[in-house]
Amino acid sequence: MHKYLILLFLLFPMICLSEEDTIIETDIETESTASDDAETEETTEYKTKNAKIQILNKITAKSHYVEVPVNSQITFGTIKIKIFNCIKSSDYELLENKILLNIYEKKIGEDEYSSIFDGWMFSSSPSISSLEHPLYDVTAISCFD
């Protein structure tokens, strides 16, 4: 008798699984697919005409916010910053600004600038891609028209 009860308790969870459980799983998968489709429709980014960056001078401990038009450059101290692209996320997404830029440095006694940074900077995650220089820190702030 005890053997039958033990078998019943072992098989009970298998017997209790019904078609409703699989339908719920299917509904969840269908809902996630539908939400993925909705997200791809709403995820639009757009290019802007201006970029705002922050330049920190580590010696003076002063921070400067600089607005730079796309496809132009600025010179700040011994560095030159060229902005190539500025992309802002849509209003439906987490606020994200992506700035494609090159940063050059002119060392004392040299006539030409040498490249010290080339790539994208992200405003939501400055630690991923920012310039860490002995004199300056440069981070992306925003993109705007």
N, C-alpha and C. Protein backbone atom coordinates (compact mmCIF):
# COMPACT_ATOMS: atom_id res chain seq x y z
N MET A 1 0.83 -1.19 0.00
CA MET A 1 0.00 0.00 0.00
C MET A 1 0.87 1.25 0.00
N HIS A 2 1.92 1.25 0.83
CA HIS A 2 2.82 2.39 0.88
C HIS A 2 3.54 2.62 -0.44
N LYS A 3 3.83 1.51 -1.14
CA LYS A 3 4.49 1.63 -2.42
C LYS A 3 3.61 2.39 -3.41
N TYR A 4 2.30 2.12 -3.39
CA TYR A 4 1.38 2.79 -4.31
C TYR A 4 1.25 4.27 -3.98
N LEU A 5 1.25 4.60 -2.70
CA LEU A 5 1.17 6.01 -2.31
C LEU A 5 2.42 6.78 -2.75
N ILE A 6 3.56 6.13 -2.58
CA ILE A 6 4.81 6.77 -3.00
C ILE A 6 4.80 7.00 -4.51
N LEU A 7 4.36 6.00 -5.28
CA LEU A 7 4.26 6.15 -6.73
C LEU A 7 3.28 7.25 -7.10
N LEU A 8 2.19 7.33 -6.39
CA LEU A 8 1.19 8.36 -6.65
C LEU A 8 1.76 9.75 -6.41
N PHE A 9 2.50 9.93 -5.33
CA PHE A 9 3.12 11.23 -5.04
C PHE A 9 4.21 11.58 -6.05
N LEU A 10 4.92 10.56 -6.54
CA LEU A 10 5.94 10.82 -7.53
C LEU A 10 5.35 11.17 -8.90
N LEU A 11 4.24 10.52 -9.23
CA LEU A 11 3.61 10.76 -10.54
C LEU A 11 2.62 11.91 -10.51
N PHE A 12 2.23 12.37 -9.36
CA PHE A 12 1.22 13.42 -9.25
C PHE A 12 1.59 14.70 -10.00
N PRO A 13 2.82 15.20 -9.87
CA PRO A 13 3.15 16.42 -10.64
C PRO A 13 3.04 16.21 -12.14
N MET A 14 3.36 15.03 -12.63
CA MET A 14 3.26 14.77 -14.07
C MET A 14 1.81 14.71 -14.50
N ILE A 15 0.97 14.17 -13.67
CA ILE A 15 -0.45 14.07 -13.99
C ILE A 15 -1.10 15.45 -13.97
N CYS A 16 -0.64 16.32 -13.07
CA CYS A 16 -1.22 17.65 -12.94
C CYS A 16 -0.88 18.58 -14.10
N LEU A 17 0.19 18.30 -14.81
CA LEU A 17 0.52 19.14 -15.96
C LEU A 17 -0.58 18.98 -17.00
N SER A 18 -1.14 20.05 -17.40
CA SER A 18 -2.24 20.00 -18.35
C SER A 18 -1.90 20.83 -19.57
N GLU A 19 -2.83 20.88 -20.52
CA GLU A 19 -2.64 21.67 -21.72
C GLU A 19 -2.62 23.16 -21.41
N GLU A 20 -3.24 23.57 -20.33
CA GLU A 20 -3.25 24.99 -19.97
C GLU A 20 -1.84 25.51 -19.73
N ASP A 21 -0.98 24.67 -19.14
CA ASP A 21 0.39 25.10 -18.88
C ASP A 21 1.12 25.39 -20.19
N THR A 22 0.95 24.54 -21.16
CA THR A 22 1.64 24.78 -22.43
C THR A 22 1.01 25.96 -23.17
N ILE A 23 -0.29 26.16 -23.04
CA ILE A 23 -0.93 27.32 -23.68
C ILE A 23 -0.41 28.61 -23.07
N ILE A 24 -0.24 28.65 -21.78
CA ILE A 24 0.29 29.85 -21.12
C ILE A 24 1.69 30.13 -21.62
N GLU A 25 2.52 29.09 -21.73
CA GLU A 25 3.87 29.29 -22.25
C GLU A 25 3.83 29.80 -23.68
N THR A 26 2.94 29.25 -24.48
CA THR A 26 2.82 29.70 -25.86
C THR A 26 2.35 31.15 -25.91
N ASP A 27 1.39 31.50 -25.04
CA ASP A 27 0.91 32.88 -25.00
C ASP A 27 2.04 33.83 -24.62
N ILE A 28 2.86 33.43 -23.68
CA ILE A 28 3.98 34.27 -23.26
C ILE A 28 4.94 34.47 -24.42
N GLU A 29 5.25 33.39 -25.12
CA GLU A 29 6.16 33.52 -26.26
C GLU A 29 5.56 34.41 -27.34
N THR A 30 4.27 34.26 -27.59
CA THR A 30 3.61 35.08 -28.60
C THR A 30 3.61 36.54 -28.18
N GLU A 31 3.36 36.79 -26.88
CA GLU A 31 3.36 38.17 -26.41
C GLU A 31 4.74 38.79 -26.52
N SER A 32 5.78 38.03 -26.18
CA SER A 32 7.13 38.60 -26.26
C SER A 32 7.50 38.87 -27.71
N THR A 33 7.06 38.02 -28.62
CA THR A 33 7.34 38.26 -30.03
C THR A 33 6.61 39.51 -30.49
N ALA A 34 5.38 39.67 -30.06
CA ALA A 34 4.62 40.86 -30.44
C ALA A 34 5.27 42.11 -29.87
N SER A 35 5.76 42.05 -28.63
CA SER A 35 6.40 43.23 -28.05
C SER A 35 7.73 43.50 -28.73
N ASP A 36 8.45 42.44 -29.18
CA ASP A 36 9.69 42.65 -29.92
C ASP A 36 9.41 43.37 -31.23
N ASP A 37 8.33 42.98 -31.91
CA ASP A 37 7.97 43.65 -33.16
C ASP A 37 7.63 45.11 -32.91
N ALA A 38 6.92 45.37 -31.80
CA ALA A 38 6.55 46.75 -31.48
C ALA A 38 7.79 47.58 -31.17
N GLU A 39 8.77 46.95 -30.49
CA GLU A 39 9.98 47.69 -30.16
C GLU A 39 10.78 48.04 -31.41
N THR A 40 10.84 47.12 -32.37
CA THR A 40 11.62 47.41 -33.56
C THR A 40 10.97 48.52 -34.38
N GLU A 41 9.64 48.63 -34.32
CA GLU A 41 8.97 49.70 -35.04
C GLU A 41 9.24 51.06 -34.39
N GLU A 42 9.36 51.07 -33.06
CA GLU A 42 9.51 52.34 -32.35
C GLU A 42 10.97 52.75 -32.15
N THR A 43 11.91 51.85 -32.37
CA THR A 43 13.31 52.18 -32.14
C THR A 43 13.88 52.92 -33.33
N THR A 44 13.68 54.20 -33.34
CA THR A 44 14.26 55.02 -34.40
C THR A 44 15.22 55.99 -33.76
N GLU A 45 16.31 56.16 -34.42
CA GLU A 45 17.32 57.12 -33.98
C GLU A 45 17.41 58.17 -35.07
N TYR A 46 17.80 59.33 -34.68
CA TYR A 46 17.95 60.36 -35.71
C TYR A 46 19.22 61.16 -35.48
N LYS A 47 19.78 61.58 -36.60
CA LYS A 47 21.01 62.36 -36.56
C LYS A 47 20.67 63.80 -36.23
N THR A 48 21.54 64.42 -35.48
CA THR A 48 21.34 65.82 -35.11
C THR A 48 22.47 66.66 -35.70
N LYS A 49 22.32 67.96 -35.57
CA LYS A 49 23.29 68.89 -36.17
C LYS A 49 24.36 69.35 -35.21
N ASN A 50 24.15 69.15 -33.91
CA ASN A 50 25.10 69.63 -32.90
C ASN A 50 25.35 68.57 -31.83
N ALA A 51 26.53 68.63 -31.27
CA ALA A 51 26.90 67.74 -30.17
C ALA A 51 27.35 68.59 -28.99
N LYS A 52 27.02 68.12 -27.80
CA LYS A 52 27.47 68.80 -26.58
C LYS A 52 28.38 67.83 -25.84
N ILE A 53 29.61 68.29 -25.57
CA ILE A 53 30.58 67.46 -24.86
C ILE A 53 31.06 68.20 -23.62
N GLN A 54 31.58 67.44 -22.69
CA GLN A 54 32.14 68.02 -21.47
C GLN A 54 33.64 67.77 -21.48
N ILE A 55 34.39 68.84 -21.24
CA ILE A 55 35.85 68.73 -21.17
C ILE A 55 36.27 69.14 -19.75
N LEU A 56 36.92 68.24 -19.06
CA LEU A 56 37.39 68.50 -17.71
C LEU A 56 38.90 68.72 -17.75
N ASN A 57 39.34 69.87 -17.28
CA ASN A 57 40.76 70.15 -17.13
C ASN A 57 41.16 69.67 -15.75
N LYS A 58 41.98 68.66 -15.68
CA LYS A 58 42.35 68.05 -14.39
C LYS A 58 43.29 68.93 -13.57
N ILE A 59 44.02 69.80 -14.22
CA ILE A 59 44.95 70.66 -13.50
C ILE A 59 44.20 71.76 -12.76
N THR A 60 43.27 72.42 -13.46
CA THR A 60 42.52 73.52 -12.84
C THR A 60 41.24 73.04 -12.17
N ALA A 61 40.86 71.79 -12.42
CA ALA A 61 39.62 71.20 -11.88
C ALA A 61 38.39 71.95 -12.36
N LYS A 62 38.45 72.49 -13.57
CA LYS A 62 37.31 73.19 -14.16
C LYS A 62 36.73 72.36 -15.29
N SER A 63 35.40 72.34 -15.31
CA SER A 63 34.68 71.59 -16.33
C SER A 63 34.06 72.58 -17.31
N HIS A 64 34.18 72.29 -18.59
CA HIS A 64 33.63 73.15 -19.62
C HIS A 64 32.68 72.34 -20.49
N TYR A 65 31.49 72.87 -20.71
CA TYR A 65 30.54 72.27 -21.63
C TYR A 65 30.67 73.01 -22.95
N VAL A 66 30.91 72.25 -24.02
CA VAL A 66 31.16 72.84 -25.32
C VAL A 66 30.17 72.27 -26.32
N GLU A 67 29.52 73.16 -27.08
CA GLU A 67 28.62 72.75 -28.14
C GLU A 67 29.35 72.86 -29.47
N VAL A 68 29.40 71.74 -30.20
CA VAL A 68 30.16 71.67 -31.44
C VAL A 68 29.24 71.22 -32.57
N PRO A 69 29.19 71.96 -33.67
CA PRO A 69 28.40 71.49 -34.82
C PRO A 69 29.02 70.22 -35.42
N VAL A 70 28.18 69.35 -35.96
CA VAL A 70 28.65 68.14 -36.61
C VAL A 70 29.46 68.54 -37.84
N ASN A 71 30.47 67.77 -38.15
CA ASN A 71 31.42 68.01 -39.26
C ASN A 71 32.24 69.28 -39.06
N SER A 72 32.57 69.56 -37.83
CA SER A 72 33.46 70.68 -37.53
C SER A 72 34.40 70.27 -36.41
N GLN A 73 35.29 71.17 -36.03
CA GLN A 73 36.26 70.86 -34.99
C GLN A 73 36.48 72.06 -34.09
N ILE A 74 36.96 71.76 -32.88
CA ILE A 74 37.33 72.81 -31.94
C ILE A 74 38.71 72.48 -31.39
N THR A 75 39.39 73.50 -30.94
CA THR A 75 40.66 73.32 -30.27
C THR A 75 40.50 73.79 -28.83
N PHE A 76 40.93 72.95 -27.91
CA PHE A 76 40.82 73.27 -26.49
C PHE A 76 42.16 72.94 -25.84
N GLY A 77 42.90 73.95 -25.49
CA GLY A 77 44.22 73.72 -24.91
C GLY A 77 45.12 73.04 -25.92
N THR A 78 45.62 71.87 -25.58
CA THR A 78 46.52 71.15 -26.48
C THR A 78 45.81 70.06 -27.28
N ILE A 79 44.48 69.96 -27.17
CA ILE A 79 43.75 68.94 -27.92
C ILE A 79 42.84 69.58 -28.96
N LYS A 80 42.61 68.82 -30.02
CA LYS A 80 41.69 69.22 -31.08
C LYS A 80 40.65 68.12 -31.20
N ILE A 81 39.36 68.50 -31.23
CA ILE A 81 38.26 67.54 -31.28
C ILE A 81 37.48 67.75 -32.56
N LYS A 82 37.33 66.68 -33.35
CA LYS A 82 36.55 66.70 -34.59
C LYS A 82 35.30 65.84 -34.38
N ILE A 83 34.13 66.44 -34.64
CA ILE A 83 32.87 65.72 -34.50
C ILE A 83 32.41 65.29 -35.89
N PHE A 84 32.13 64.00 -36.07
CA PHE A 84 31.70 63.48 -37.37
C PHE A 84 30.22 63.13 -37.41
N ASN A 85 29.67 62.68 -36.30
CA ASN A 85 28.29 62.24 -36.28
C ASN A 85 27.74 62.35 -34.87
N CYS A 86 26.45 62.67 -34.75
CA CYS A 86 25.80 62.74 -33.45
C CYS A 86 24.40 62.14 -33.60
N ILE A 87 24.13 61.06 -32.90
CA ILE A 87 22.87 60.34 -33.04
C ILE A 87 22.16 60.31 -31.69
N LYS A 88 20.89 60.67 -31.72
CA LYS A 88 20.07 60.70 -30.50
C LYS A 88 19.00 59.62 -30.61
N SER A 89 18.70 58.98 -29.49
CA SER A 89 17.67 57.94 -29.48
C SER A 89 16.29 58.56 -29.55
N SER A 90 15.31 57.74 -29.91
CA SER A 90 13.94 58.23 -29.98
C SER A 90 13.39 58.47 -28.57
N ASP A 91 12.25 59.11 -28.52
CA ASP A 91 11.63 59.42 -27.23
C ASP A 91 11.11 58.18 -26.52
N TYR A 92 10.94 57.08 -27.25
CA TYR A 92 10.39 55.85 -26.67
C TYR A 92 11.45 55.02 -25.96
N GLU A 93 12.69 55.33 -26.19
CA GLU A 93 13.77 54.54 -25.62
C GLU A 93 14.44 55.28 -24.47
N LEU A 94 15.33 54.56 -23.82
CA LEU A 94 16.18 55.17 -22.80
C LEU A 94 17.02 56.24 -23.48
N LEU A 95 17.14 57.39 -22.86
CA LEU A 95 17.87 58.49 -23.47
C LEU A 95 19.32 58.09 -23.71
N GLU A 96 19.71 58.13 -24.96
CA GLU A 96 21.06 57.76 -25.36
C GLU A 96 21.53 58.69 -26.46
N ASN A 97 22.72 59.20 -26.31
CA ASN A 97 23.35 60.04 -27.32
C ASN A 97 24.67 59.39 -27.69
N LYS A 98 24.91 59.27 -28.99
CA LYS A 98 26.12 58.64 -29.49
C LYS A 98 26.85 59.67 -30.34
N ILE A 99 28.09 59.92 -30.02
CA ILE A 99 28.88 60.91 -30.75
C ILE A 99 30.12 60.22 -31.33
N LEU A 100 30.28 60.33 -32.65
CA LEU A 100 31.46 59.82 -33.31
C LEU A 100 32.45 60.96 -33.46
N LEU A 101 33.64 60.77 -32.89
CA LEU A 101 34.61 61.85 -32.91
C LEU A 101 36.04 61.34 -32.92
N ASN A 102 36.92 62.24 -33.28
CA ASN A 102 38.37 62.02 -33.20
C ASN A 102 38.94 63.09 -32.30
N ILE A 103 39.90 62.70 -31.48
CA ILE A 103 40.59 63.66 -30.62
C ILE A 103 42.08 63.55 -30.90
N TYR A 104 42.69 64.70 -31.13
CA TYR A 104 44.11 64.78 -31.44
C TYR A 104 44.79 65.63 -30.38
N GLU A 105 46.08 65.35 -30.17
CA GLU A 105 46.86 66.12 -29.20
C GLU A 105 48.12 66.65 -29.87
N LYS A 106 48.43 67.89 -29.55
CA LYS A 106 49.67 68.50 -30.04
C LYS A 106 50.62 68.59 -28.85
N LYS A 107 51.67 67.81 -28.91
CA LYS A 107 52.63 67.79 -27.81
C LYS A 107 53.59 68.96 -27.94
N ILE A 108 54.15 69.37 -26.84
CA ILE A 108 55.07 70.51 -26.80
C ILE A 108 56.31 70.17 -27.66
N GLY A 109 56.66 71.11 -28.52
CA GLY A 109 57.82 70.92 -29.38
C GLY A 109 57.53 70.22 -30.69
N GLU A 110 56.27 69.78 -30.90
CA GLU A 110 55.91 69.13 -32.16
C GLU A 110 55.02 70.06 -32.97
N ASP A 111 55.09 69.91 -34.30
CA ASP A 111 54.29 70.76 -35.18
C ASP A 111 52.94 70.15 -35.52
N GLU A 112 52.81 68.83 -35.49
CA GLU A 112 51.59 68.16 -35.91
C GLU A 112 50.86 67.53 -34.73
N TYR A 113 49.54 67.35 -34.94
CA TYR A 113 48.71 66.68 -33.94
C TYR A 113 48.80 65.17 -34.15
N SER A 114 48.76 64.43 -33.06
CA SER A 114 48.71 62.97 -33.14
C SER A 114 47.39 62.50 -32.54
N SER A 115 46.83 61.44 -33.11
CA SER A 115 45.53 60.93 -32.68
C SER A 115 45.65 60.24 -31.32
N ILE A 116 44.75 60.59 -30.40
CA ILE A 116 44.73 59.93 -29.09
C ILE A 116 43.40 59.23 -28.81
N PHE A 117 42.36 59.53 -29.62
CA PHE A 117 41.07 58.85 -29.48
C PHE A 117 40.36 58.89 -30.81
N ASP A 118 39.75 57.76 -31.18
CA ASP A 118 39.00 57.67 -32.43
C ASP A 118 37.86 56.69 -32.20
N GLY A 119 36.63 57.17 -32.18
CA GLY A 119 35.51 56.26 -31.98
C GLY A 119 34.26 56.94 -31.47
N TRP A 120 33.35 56.10 -30.95
CA TRP A 120 32.06 56.56 -30.44
C TRP A 120 32.14 56.79 -28.95
N MET A 121 31.44 57.82 -28.49
CA MET A 121 31.23 58.05 -27.06
C MET A 121 29.73 57.99 -26.79
N PHE A 122 29.35 57.42 -25.66
CA PHE A 122 27.95 57.25 -25.29
C PHE A 122 27.65 58.04 -24.03
N SER A 123 26.55 58.81 -24.06
CA SER A 123 26.24 59.66 -22.91
C SER A 123 25.71 58.85 -21.73
N SER A 124 25.04 57.73 -21.98
CA SER A 124 24.48 56.97 -20.86
C SER A 124 25.54 56.12 -20.15
N SER A 125 26.65 55.84 -20.83
CA SER A 125 27.70 55.01 -20.24
C SER A 125 29.07 55.62 -20.53
N PRO A 126 29.41 56.69 -19.85
CA PRO A 126 30.68 57.35 -20.16
C PRO A 126 31.91 56.49 -19.85
N SER A 127 31.77 55.54 -18.95
CA SER A 127 32.94 54.72 -18.61
C SER A 127 33.30 53.73 -19.71
N ILE A 128 32.35 53.43 -20.59
CA ILE A 128 32.63 52.49 -21.67
C ILE A 128 33.62 53.08 -22.66
N SER A 129 33.38 54.33 -23.04
CA SER A 129 34.21 54.92 -24.07
C SER A 129 34.35 56.42 -23.81
N SER A 130 35.40 56.79 -23.14
CA SER A 130 35.68 58.20 -22.90
C SER A 130 37.18 58.41 -22.98
N LEU A 131 37.57 59.65 -23.15
CA LEU A 131 38.99 59.95 -23.21
C LEU A 131 39.51 60.14 -21.80
N GLU A 132 40.51 59.37 -21.46
CA GLU A 132 41.21 59.54 -20.19
C GLU A 132 42.62 59.95 -20.53
N HIS A 133 42.91 61.16 -20.29
CA HIS A 133 44.17 61.79 -20.68
C HIS A 133 44.81 62.36 -19.41
N PRO A 134 46.12 62.54 -19.37
CA PRO A 134 46.74 63.11 -18.17
C PRO A 134 46.24 64.51 -17.82
N LEU A 135 45.84 65.29 -18.83
CA LEU A 135 45.36 66.65 -18.57
C LEU A 135 43.86 66.81 -18.71
N TYR A 136 43.21 66.04 -19.60
CA TYR A 136 41.80 66.25 -19.93
C TYR A 136 41.00 64.96 -19.86
N ASP A 137 39.75 65.10 -19.48
CA ASP A 137 38.75 64.06 -19.64
C ASP A 137 37.67 64.63 -20.56
N VAL A 138 37.28 63.85 -21.58
CA VAL A 138 36.24 64.28 -22.51
C VAL A 138 35.13 63.26 -22.47
N THR A 139 33.88 63.71 -22.26
CA THR A 139 32.74 62.81 -22.23
C THR A 139 31.60 63.39 -23.08
N ALA A 140 30.78 62.51 -23.62
CA ALA A 140 29.61 62.90 -24.42
C ALA A 140 28.48 63.29 -23.48
N ILE A 141 27.78 64.39 -23.82
CA ILE A 141 26.65 64.83 -23.01
C ILE A 141 25.33 64.67 -23.76
N SER A 142 25.19 65.31 -24.92
CA SER A 142 23.93 65.23 -25.65
C SER A 142 24.09 65.58 -27.11
N CYS A 143 23.04 65.29 -27.86
CA CYS A 143 22.92 65.65 -29.26
C CYS A 143 21.66 66.49 -29.40
N PHE A 144 21.72 67.52 -30.20
CA PHE A 144 20.55 68.40 -30.37
C PHE A 144 20.63 69.10 -31.71
N ASP A 145 19.49 69.67 -32.12
CA ASP A 145 19.43 70.42 -33.38
C ASP A 145 19.58 71.90 -33.15
